[in-house]
Amino acid sequence: MKKALLISLVLVFGAGMAFAQGGSIGIFADPAGLNCNLGDVAGLTQYYIVHVNSAGATACQFSAPKPACFTATYLADTGIFAVTVGSSQTGVSIGYGMCRQSPLHVLTLSYFTNGMTPSCCYYPVLEHPTATPPGLLVVNCAEQLIPATGGKGIIKSGAGCNCNVPVEETTWGQVKSLYNE
């Protein structure tokens, strides 16, 4: 039993580590990718798409359409890099021009917000729906196309709703102790 569980954990953690190689592309209130609590006050509001937790990348593809719970008007995207093809609302591909380390601000979204969005409105970054191959993908510095995860921001955070909550650090011994017979 313990041996099967250990093999399962190794497979799950190994798959997770391979998946995380592309890092995460999320939406933030700041271009450094530190604050995923998004504002909603009346007026022009900008949100930042930031590529985080990557050892290095040269390009990415994703979408970040306005969620149904968000009572704002989408205005435009502002590309940071010269090679920005598409729209955050329908799918965008961005070339970084060279291998770059994260955190990396890749796109700015502009909205006219009215302050009427309900609490706990999640704003996820999703896969690019029409790219070939489809997915939320990154080109790493070795020119390999690899998957990335999509982060989510939250508009009007409150009790019971959190954005981009990091996994609590633990040791292998602590993980094994959860499954002692």
C-alpha atoms as a PDB file:
ATOM      1  CA  MET A   1       0.000   0.000   0.000  1.00  0.00           C
ATOM      2  CA  LYS A   2       2.726   2.473   1.003  1.00  0.00           C
ATOM      3  CA  LYS A   3       4.747   1.628  -2.106  1.00  0.00           C
ATOM      4  CA  ALA A   4       1.742   2.229  -4.426  1.00  0.00           C
ATOM      5  CA  LEU A   5       0.985   5.511  -2.685  1.00  0.00           C
ATOM      6  CA  LEU A   6       4.589   6.626  -2.964  1.00  0.00           C
ATOM      7  CA  ILE A   7       4.658   5.806  -6.689  1.00  0.00           C
ATOM      8  CA  SER A   8       1.380   7.730  -7.153  1.00  0.00           C
ATOM      9  CA  LEU A   9       2.771  10.760  -5.340  1.00  0.00           C
ATOM     10  CA  VAL A  10       5.947  10.708  -7.434  1.00  0.00           C
ATOM     11  CA  LEU A  11       3.882  10.531 -10.621  1.00  0.00           C
ATOM     12  CA  VAL A  12       1.580  13.368  -9.527  1.00  0.00           C
ATOM     13  CA  PHE A  13       4.421  15.611  -8.341  1.00  0.00           C
ATOM     14  CA  GLY A  14       6.496  14.786 -11.434  1.00  0.00           C
ATOM     15  CA  ALA A  15       3.619  15.648 -13.779  1.00  0.00           C
ATOM     16  CA  GLY A  16       2.961  18.839 -11.841  1.00  0.00           C
ATOM     17  CA  MET A  17       6.585  19.898 -12.058  1.00  0.00           C
ATOM     18  CA  ALA A  18       6.674  19.266 -15.817  1.00  0.00           C
ATOM     19  CA  PHE A  19       3.472  21.253 -16.261  1.00  0.00           C
ATOM     20  CA  ALA A  20       4.810  24.159 -14.209  1.00  0.00           C
ATOM     21  CA  GLN A  21       7.930  24.561 -16.360  1.00  0.00           C
ATOM     22  CA  GLY A  22       6.208  27.231 -18.434  1.00  0.00           C
ATOM     23  CA  GLY A  23       5.363  29.197 -15.324  1.00  0.00           C
ATOM     24  CA  SER A  24       2.061  30.964 -14.880  1.00  0.00           C
ATOM     25  CA  ILE A  25       0.417  33.793 -16.769  1.00  0.00           C
ATOM     26  CA  GLY A  26      -1.905  35.775 -14.537  1.00  0.00           C
ATOM     27  CA  ILE A  27      -3.767  39.053 -14.251  1.00  0.00           C
ATOM     28  CA  PHE A  28      -2.618  41.525 -11.623  1.00  0.00           C
ATOM     29  CA  ALA A  29      -3.238  45.036 -10.299  1.00  0.00           C
ATOM     30  CA  ASP A  30       0.460  45.871 -10.769  1.00  0.00           C
ATOM     31  CA  PRO A  31       2.996  45.267 -13.572  1.00  0.00           C
ATOM     32  CA  ALA A  32       5.340  43.402 -11.193  1.00  0.00           C
ATOM     33  CA  GLY A  33       2.774  40.628 -10.711  1.00  0.00           C
ATOM     34  CA  LEU A  34       2.550  40.956  -6.936  1.00  0.00           C
ATOM     35  CA  ASN A  35      -1.091  41.955  -6.308  1.00  0.00           C
ATOM     36  CA  CYS A  36      -3.887  39.816  -7.746  1.00  0.00           C
ATOM     37  CA  ASN A  37      -6.646  41.794  -6.004  1.00  0.00           C
ATOM     38  CA  LEU A  38      -8.077  43.844  -8.874  1.00  0.00           C
ATOM     39  CA  GLY A  39      -9.661  47.237  -8.318  1.00  0.00           C
ATOM     40  CA  ASP A  40     -13.120  48.308  -9.448  1.00  0.00           C
ATOM     41  CA  VAL A  41     -13.592  52.024  -8.894  1.00  0.00           C
ATOM     42  CA  ALA A  42     -15.430  54.252 -11.361  1.00  0.00           C
ATOM     43  CA  GLY A  43     -13.168  55.363 -14.196  1.00  0.00           C
ATOM     44  CA  LEU A  44     -10.313  54.116 -16.355  1.00  0.00           C
ATOM     45  CA  THR A  45      -8.736  51.009 -14.816  1.00  0.00           C
ATOM     46  CA  GLN A  46      -5.746  49.056 -16.044  1.00  0.00           C
ATOM     47  CA  TYR A  47      -4.908  45.433 -15.298  1.00  0.00           C
ATOM     48  CA  TYR A  48      -1.600  43.781 -16.092  1.00  0.00           C
ATOM     49  CA  ILE A  49      -0.961  40.366 -17.586  1.00  0.00           C
ATOM     50  CA  VAL A  50       2.307  39.123 -16.087  1.00  0.00           C
ATOM     51  CA  HIS A  51       4.273  35.946 -16.843  1.00  0.00           C
ATOM     52  CA  VAL A  52       5.568  34.660 -13.484  1.00  0.00           C
ATOM     53  CA  ASN A  53       7.444  31.634 -12.119  1.00  0.00           C
ATOM     54  CA  SER A  54       9.337  30.911 -15.321  1.00  0.00           C
ATOM     55  CA  ALA A  55      13.052  30.196 -15.649  1.00  0.00           C
ATOM     56  CA  GLY A  56      12.929  31.947 -19.007  1.00  0.00           C
ATOM     57  CA  ALA A  57      10.723  32.244 -22.065  1.00  0.00           C
ATOM     58  CA  THR A  58      10.619  33.842 -25.510  1.00  0.00           C
ATOM     59  CA  ALA A  59       6.863  33.872 -26.222  1.00  0.00           C
ATOM     60  CA  CYS A  60       3.403  33.023 -24.891  1.00  0.00           C
ATOM     61  CA  GLN A  61      -0.197  32.566 -26.027  1.00  0.00           C
ATOM     62  CA  PHE A  62      -3.360  32.920 -23.934  1.00  0.00           C
ATOM     63  CA  SER A  63      -6.721  34.651 -23.672  1.00  0.00           C
ATOM     64  CA  ALA A  64      -8.213  36.779 -20.890  1.00  0.00           C
ATOM     65  CA  PRO A  65     -11.811  37.566 -21.862  1.00  0.00           C
ATOM     66  CA  LYS A  66     -13.875  39.765 -19.557  1.00  0.00           C
ATOM     67  CA  PRO A  67     -15.744  37.488 -17.126  1.00  0.00           C
ATOM     68  CA  ALA A  68     -19.552  37.684 -17.057  1.00  0.00           C
ATOM     69  CA  CYS A  69     -19.547  38.905 -13.429  1.00  0.00           C
ATOM     70  CA  PHE A  70     -17.390  41.943 -14.299  1.00  0.00           C
ATOM     71  CA  THR A  71     -19.603  45.018 -14.872  1.00  0.00           C
ATOM     72  CA  ALA A  72     -17.076  47.040 -16.858  1.00  0.00           C
ATOM     73  CA  THR A  73     -16.525  47.999 -20.477  1.00  0.00           C
ATOM     74  CA  TYR A  74     -13.463  46.589 -22.216  1.00  0.00           C
ATOM     75  CA  LEU A  75     -11.538  49.351 -24.020  1.00  0.00           C
ATOM     76  CA  ALA A  76      -8.233  48.018 -25.370  1.00  0.00           C
ATOM     77  CA  ASP A  77      -5.044  46.054 -24.924  1.00  0.00           C
ATOM     78  CA  THR A  78      -1.656  47.729 -24.922  1.00  0.00           C
ATOM     79  CA  GLY A  79       1.151  45.477 -26.085  1.00  0.00           C
ATOM     80  CA  ILE A  80       4.499  45.677 -24.349  1.00  0.00           C
ATOM     81  CA  PHE A  81       6.377  43.882 -27.119  1.00  0.00           C
ATOM     82  CA  ALA A  82       6.402  44.670 -30.844  1.00  0.00           C
ATOM     83  CA  VAL A  83       5.157  41.199 -31.750  1.00  0.00           C
ATOM     84  CA  THR A  84       1.695  41.104 -30.180  1.00  0.00           C
ATOM     85  CA  VAL A  85      -0.904  39.443 -32.386  1.00  0.00           C
ATOM     86  CA  GLY A  86      -4.575  39.256 -31.426  1.00  0.00           C
ATOM     87  CA  SER A  87      -6.601  40.436 -28.467  1.00  0.00           C
ATOM     88  CA  SER A  88      -6.834  39.381 -24.848  1.00  0.00           C
ATOM     89  CA  GLN A  89     -10.562  38.940 -25.394  1.00  0.00           C
ATOM     90  CA  THR A  90     -10.278  36.404 -28.240  1.00  0.00           C
ATOM     91  CA  GLY A  91      -6.708  35.084 -27.944  1.00  0.00           C
ATOM     92  CA  VAL A  92      -3.310  36.734 -28.152  1.00  0.00           C
ATOM     93  CA  SER A  93       0.199  35.556 -29.033  1.00  0.00           C
ATOM     94  CA  ILE A  94       3.175  37.576 -27.814  1.00  0.00           C
ATOM     95  CA  GLY A  95       6.839  37.293 -28.835  1.00  0.00           C
ATOM     96  CA  TYR A  96       9.309  38.607 -26.251  1.00  0.00           C
ATOM     97  CA  GLY A  97      12.129  39.220 -28.741  1.00  0.00           C
ATOM     98  CA  MET A  98      14.669  37.228 -26.689  1.00  0.00           C
ATOM     99  CA  CYS A  99      14.855  34.885 -23.724  1.00  0.00           C
ATOM    100  CA  ARG A 100      13.517  36.814 -20.722  1.00  0.00           C
ATOM    101  CA  GLN A 101      13.217  35.914 -17.055  1.00  0.00           C
ATOM    102  CA  SER A 102      10.044  36.346 -15.025  1.00  0.00           C
ATOM    103  CA  PRO A 103       8.260  38.227 -13.694  1.00  0.00           C
ATOM    104  CA  LEU A 104       7.565  39.727 -17.086  1.00  0.00           C
ATOM    105  CA  HIS A 105       4.766  42.205 -17.810  1.00  0.00           C
ATOM    106  CA  VAL A 106       3.465  41.161 -21.254  1.00  0.00           C
ATOM    107  CA  LEU A 107       0.170  43.045 -21.802  1.00  0.00           C
ATOM    108  CA  THR A 108      -1.941  45.813 -20.275  1.00  0.00           C
ATOM    109  CA  LEU A 109      -5.754  45.611 -20.374  1.00  0.00           C
ATOM    110  CA  SER A 110      -7.770  48.820 -20.130  1.00  0.00           C
ATOM    111  CA  TYR A 111     -11.352  48.919 -18.863  1.00  0.00           C
ATOM    112  CA  PHE A 112     -13.883  51.569 -17.986  1.00  0.00           C
ATOM    113  CA  THR A 113     -15.047  50.355 -14.591  1.00  0.00           C
ATOM    114  CA  ASN A 114     -18.136  51.501 -12.723  1.00  0.00           C
ATOM    115  CA  GLY A 115     -17.563  50.091  -9.228  1.00  0.00           C
ATOM    116  CA  MET A 116     -20.647  47.844  -9.465  1.00  0.00           C
ATOM    117  CA  THR A 117     -18.951  44.434  -9.835  1.00  0.00           C
ATOM    118  CA  PRO A 118     -20.142  41.939  -7.201  1.00  0.00           C
ATOM    119  CA  SER A 119     -17.674  40.566  -4.658  1.00  0.00           C
ATOM    120  CA  CYS A 120     -15.549  37.548  -5.552  1.00  0.00           C
ATOM    121  CA  CYS A 121     -15.601  38.068  -9.319  1.00  0.00           C
ATOM    122  CA  TYR A 122     -12.770  35.877 -10.563  1.00  0.00           C
ATOM    123  CA  TYR A 123     -10.850  36.964 -13.671  1.00  0.00           C
ATOM    124  CA  PRO A 124      -8.859  34.004 -15.037  1.00  0.00           C
ATOM    125  CA  VAL A 125      -6.247  33.850 -17.767  1.00  0.00           C
ATOM    126  CA  LEU A 126      -7.246  31.015 -20.092  1.00  0.00           C
ATOM    127  CA  GLU A 127      -5.900  29.066 -23.016  1.00  0.00           C
ATOM    128  CA  HIS A 128      -5.809  30.633 -26.468  1.00  0.00           C
ATOM    129  CA  PRO A 129      -8.954  29.180 -28.073  1.00  0.00           C
ATOM    130  CA  THR A 130      -7.997  29.333 -31.759  1.00  0.00           C
ATOM    131  CA  ALA A 131      -4.214  28.912 -31.811  1.00  0.00           C
ATOM    132  CA  THR A 132      -2.612  25.804 -33.230  1.00  0.00           C
ATOM    133  CA  PRO A 133      -1.931  23.989 -31.046  1.00  0.00           C
ATOM    134  CA  PRO A 134      -4.605  25.326 -28.684  1.00  0.00           C
ATOM    135  CA  GLY A 135      -3.667  25.955 -25.093  1.00  0.00           C
ATOM    136  CA  LEU A 136      -2.059  28.323 -22.642  1.00  0.00           C
ATOM    137  CA  LEU A 137       1.447  27.847 -23.944  1.00  0.00           C
ATOM    138  CA  VAL A 138       4.925  29.291 -23.618  1.00  0.00           C
ATOM    139  CA  VAL A 139       8.036  28.971 -25.776  1.00  0.00           C
ATOM    140  CA  ASN A 140      10.952  28.381 -23.427  1.00  0.00           C
ATOM    141  CA  CYS A 141      14.511  29.548 -24.045  1.00  0.00           C
ATOM    142  CA  ALA A 142      15.364  26.197 -25.671  1.00  0.00           C
ATOM    143  CA  GLU A 143      12.640  26.964 -28.276  1.00  0.00           C
ATOM    144  CA  GLN A 144      10.308  24.264 -26.949  1.00  0.00           C
ATOM    145  CA  LEU A 145       6.551  24.800 -26.791  1.00  0.00           C
ATOM    146  CA  ILE A 146       5.486  23.949 -23.229  1.00  0.00           C
ATOM    147  CA  PRO A 147       2.284  24.360 -21.210  1.00  0.00           C
ATOM    148  CA  ALA A 148       1.843  27.079 -18.616  1.00  0.00           C
ATOM    149  CA  THR A 149      -0.788  27.537 -15.958  1.00  0.00           C
ATOM    150  CA  GLY A 150      -3.310  30.356 -15.930  1.00  0.00           C
ATOM    151  CA  GLY A 151      -3.503  32.545 -12.871  1.00  0.00           C
ATOM    152  CA  LYS A 152      -6.583  34.403 -11.795  1.00  0.00           C
ATOM    153  CA  GLY A 153      -7.161  37.799 -10.331  1.00  0.00           C
ATOM    154  CA  ILE A 154     -10.146  38.668  -8.227  1.00  0.00           C
ATOM    155  CA  ILE A 155     -12.271  41.766  -8.434  1.00  0.00           C
ATOM    156  CA  LYS A 156     -13.552  42.905  -5.040  1.00  0.00           C
ATOM    157  CA  SER A 157     -11.994  40.220  -2.913  1.00  0.00           C
ATOM    158  CA  GLY A 158     -13.760  39.361   0.282  1.00  0.00           C
ATOM    159  CA  ALA A 159     -14.187  36.613   2.848  1.00  0.00           C
ATOM    160  CA  GLY A 160     -14.002  33.206   1.229  1.00  0.00           C
ATOM    161  CA  CYS A 161     -12.512  34.304  -2.088  1.00  0.00           C
ATOM    162  CA  ASN A 162      -8.787  34.384  -2.767  1.00  0.00           C
ATOM    163  CA  CYS A 163      -6.677  34.837  -5.861  1.00  0.00           C
ATOM    164  CA  ASN A 164      -3.452  33.082  -6.824  1.00  0.00           C
ATOM    165  CA  VAL A 165      -3.029  31.576  -3.368  1.00  0.00           C
ATOM    166  CA  PRO A 166       0.435  29.980  -3.233  1.00  0.00           C
ATOM    167  CA  VAL A 167       0.806  26.398  -2.119  1.00  0.00           C
ATOM    168  CA  GLU A 168       2.112  26.136   1.423  1.00  0.00           C
ATOM    169  CA  GLU A 169       5.708  24.930   1.525  1.00  0.00           C
ATOM    170  CA  THR A 170       6.271  21.508   3.014  1.00  0.00           C
ATOM    171  CA  THR A 171       8.908  18.802   3.231  1.00  0.00           C
ATOM    172  CA  TRP A 172       8.804  15.307   1.776  1.00  0.00           C
ATOM    173  CA  GLY A 173       8.713  13.937   5.349  1.00  0.00           C
ATOM    174  CA  GLN A 174       5.601  16.005   6.109  1.00  0.00           C
ATOM    175  CA  VAL A 175       3.893  14.667   2.977  1.00  0.00           C
ATOM    176  CA  LYS A 176       4.785  11.061   3.853  1.00  0.00           C
ATOM    177  CA  SER A 177       3.527  11.530   7.432  1.00  0.00           C
ATOM    178  CA  LEU A 178       0.045  12.253   6.096  1.00  0.00           C
ATOM    179  CA  TYR A 179      -0.141   8.693   4.787  1.00  0.00           C
ATOM    180  CA  ASN A 180       1.367   6.636   7.666  1.00  0.00           C
ATOM    181  CA  GLU A 181      -0.633   3.561   8.534  1.00  0.00           C
END
